[in-house]
């Protein structure tokens, strides 16, 4: 059960990445996104987006300067001004 992460900046559309879970930085804490989660829009704070496998191991990390996430059943789209892949 995977979810696709798409990251967009004004200069670039980043390659889509598929993971079992996506962790997003939000004001209260972190928000975990899994497949078939209820659709929502979410304001993001500056921090790290993390892609995790089924055993909760970090596969990939991106650092962002805030932004907006649109979450649907199997995709999480993030719009941000800047992103750095680690």
C-alpha atoms as a PDB file:
ATOM      1  CA  UNK A   1       0.000   0.000   0.000  1.00  0.00           C
ATOM      2  CA  UNK A   2       1.992   2.934  -1.314  1.00  0.00           C
ATOM      3  CA  UNK A   3       1.436   6.635  -1.702  1.00  0.00           C
ATOM      4  CA  UNK A   4       3.018   8.806  -4.392  1.00  0.00           C
ATOM      5  CA  UNK A   5       4.738  12.054  -3.396  1.00  0.00           C
ATOM      6  CA  UNK A   6       4.914  14.873  -5.937  1.00  0.00           C
ATOM      7  CA  UNK A   7       6.903  18.034  -5.119  1.00  0.00           C
ATOM      8  CA  UNK A   8       6.549  21.268  -7.076  1.00  0.00           C
ATOM      9  CA  UNK A   9       8.540  24.510  -6.876  1.00  0.00           C
ATOM     10  CA  UNK A  10       8.264  27.580  -9.134  1.00  0.00           C
ATOM     11  CA  UNK A  11      11.394  26.432 -10.985  1.00  0.00           C
ATOM     12  CA  UNK A  12      10.996  22.661 -11.100  1.00  0.00           C
ATOM     13  CA  UNK A  13       8.717  19.657 -10.893  1.00  0.00           C
ATOM     14  CA  UNK A  14      10.624  17.067  -8.871  1.00  0.00           C
ATOM     15  CA  UNK A  15      10.481  13.393  -9.889  1.00  0.00           C
ATOM     16  CA  UNK A  16       7.596  11.580  -8.176  1.00  0.00           C
ATOM     17  CA  UNK A  17       8.569   9.234  -5.348  1.00  0.00           C
ATOM     18  CA  UNK A  18       6.554   6.294  -4.000  1.00  0.00           C
ATOM     19  CA  UNK A  19       6.694   5.197  -0.354  1.00  0.00           C
ATOM     20  CA  UNK A  20       4.553   3.385   2.213  1.00  0.00           C
ATOM     21  CA  UNK A  21       4.305   6.522   4.385  1.00  0.00           C
ATOM     22  CA  UNK A  22       5.077  10.205   3.940  1.00  0.00           C
ATOM     23  CA  UNK A  23       5.839  12.428   6.940  1.00  0.00           C
ATOM     24  CA  UNK A  24       5.047  16.142   6.487  1.00  0.00           C
ATOM     25  CA  UNK A  25       6.123  19.067   8.712  1.00  0.00           C
ATOM     26  CA  UNK A  26       3.062  20.881  10.111  1.00  0.00           C
ATOM     27  CA  UNK A  27       2.637  23.501  12.836  1.00  0.00           C
ATOM     28  CA  UNK A  28       1.524  21.181  15.655  1.00  0.00           C
ATOM     29  CA  UNK A  29       3.990  18.333  14.980  1.00  0.00           C
ATOM     30  CA  UNK A  30       4.428  16.017  12.002  1.00  0.00           C
ATOM     31  CA  UNK A  31       1.617  14.578   9.887  1.00  0.00           C
ATOM     32  CA  UNK A  32       1.866  10.976   8.654  1.00  0.00           C
ATOM     33  CA  UNK A  33       0.277  10.308   5.276  1.00  0.00           C
ATOM     34  CA  UNK A  34      -0.705   6.758   4.300  1.00  0.00           C
ATOM     35  CA  UNK A  35      -2.640   5.383   1.343  1.00  0.00           C
ATOM     36  CA  UNK A  36      -6.412   5.952   1.497  1.00  0.00           C
ATOM     37  CA  UNK A  37      -6.173   8.717   4.101  1.00  0.00           C
ATOM     38  CA  UNK A  38      -9.071  11.179   3.959  1.00  0.00           C
ATOM     39  CA  UNK A  39      -8.454  13.950   1.406  1.00  0.00           C
ATOM     40  CA  UNK A  40      -7.335  17.273   2.851  1.00  0.00           C
ATOM     41  CA  UNK A  41      -5.306  20.407   2.268  1.00  0.00           C
ATOM     42  CA  UNK A  42      -2.570  21.177   4.777  1.00  0.00           C
ATOM     43  CA  UNK A  43      -0.321  24.191   5.344  1.00  0.00           C
ATOM     44  CA  UNK A  44       3.279  23.050   5.833  1.00  0.00           C
ATOM     45  CA  UNK A  45       5.969  24.610   8.013  1.00  0.00           C
ATOM     46  CA  UNK A  46       9.669  24.682   7.240  1.00  0.00           C
ATOM     47  CA  UNK A  47      11.168  21.284   7.961  1.00  0.00           C
ATOM     48  CA  UNK A  48      11.675  17.853   6.471  1.00  0.00           C
ATOM     49  CA  UNK A  49       9.486  15.659   4.321  1.00  0.00           C
ATOM     50  CA  UNK A  50      10.390  12.013   4.889  1.00  0.00           C
ATOM     51  CA  UNK A  51       9.512   8.948   2.822  1.00  0.00           C
ATOM     52  CA  UNK A  52       9.306   5.744   4.879  1.00  0.00           C
ATOM     53  CA  UNK A  53       9.109   2.080   3.920  1.00  0.00           C
ATOM     54  CA  UNK A  54       6.762  -0.495   5.465  1.00  0.00           C
ATOM     55  CA  UNK A  55       9.135  -0.981   8.428  1.00  0.00           C
ATOM     56  CA  UNK A  56       9.227   2.787   9.137  1.00  0.00           C
ATOM     57  CA  UNK A  57      12.787   3.131   7.853  1.00  0.00           C
ATOM     58  CA  UNK A  58      13.562   6.452   6.206  1.00  0.00           C
ATOM     59  CA  UNK A  59      14.100   6.016   2.468  1.00  0.00           C
ATOM     60  CA  UNK A  60      14.492   9.636   1.394  1.00  0.00           C
ATOM     61  CA  UNK A  61      14.425  13.149   2.920  1.00  0.00           C
ATOM     62  CA  UNK A  62      13.673  16.574   1.462  1.00  0.00           C
ATOM     63  CA  UNK A  63      14.020  19.869   3.364  1.00  0.00           C
ATOM     64  CA  UNK A  64      11.402  22.510   2.497  1.00  0.00           C
ATOM     65  CA  UNK A  65      10.702  26.139   3.390  1.00  0.00           C
ATOM     66  CA  UNK A  66       7.020  25.697   4.169  1.00  0.00           C
ATOM     67  CA  UNK A  67       4.303  25.305   1.572  1.00  0.00           C
ATOM     68  CA  UNK A  68       0.991  23.590   0.947  1.00  0.00           C
ATOM     69  CA  UNK A  69       0.087  19.900   0.618  1.00  0.00           C
ATOM     70  CA  UNK A  70      -2.932  18.472  -1.218  1.00  0.00           C
ATOM     71  CA  UNK A  71      -3.603  14.937  -0.056  1.00  0.00           C
ATOM     72  CA  UNK A  72      -5.832  12.411  -1.855  1.00  0.00           C
ATOM     73  CA  UNK A  73      -6.253   8.640  -1.526  1.00  0.00           C
ATOM     74  CA  UNK A  74      -2.935   7.631  -3.123  1.00  0.00           C
ATOM     75  CA  UNK A  75      -1.077  10.890  -3.835  1.00  0.00           C
ATOM     76  CA  UNK A  76       0.400  13.732  -1.804  1.00  0.00           C
ATOM     77  CA  UNK A  77       1.204  16.872  -3.809  1.00  0.00           C
ATOM     78  CA  UNK A  78       3.458  19.462  -2.175  1.00  0.00           C
ATOM     79  CA  UNK A  79       3.957  23.018  -3.440  1.00  0.00           C
ATOM     80  CA  UNK A  80       6.859  24.920  -1.870  1.00  0.00           C
ATOM     81  CA  UNK A  81       9.160  27.820  -2.708  1.00  0.00           C
ATOM     82  CA  UNK A  82      12.374  25.870  -2.059  1.00  0.00           C
ATOM     83  CA  UNK A  83      13.332  22.243  -1.597  1.00  0.00           C
ATOM     84  CA  UNK A  84      16.618  20.497  -1.006  1.00  0.00           C
ATOM     85  CA  UNK A  85      16.974  16.749  -1.433  1.00  0.00           C
ATOM     86  CA  UNK A  86      19.198  14.963   1.079  1.00  0.00           C
END
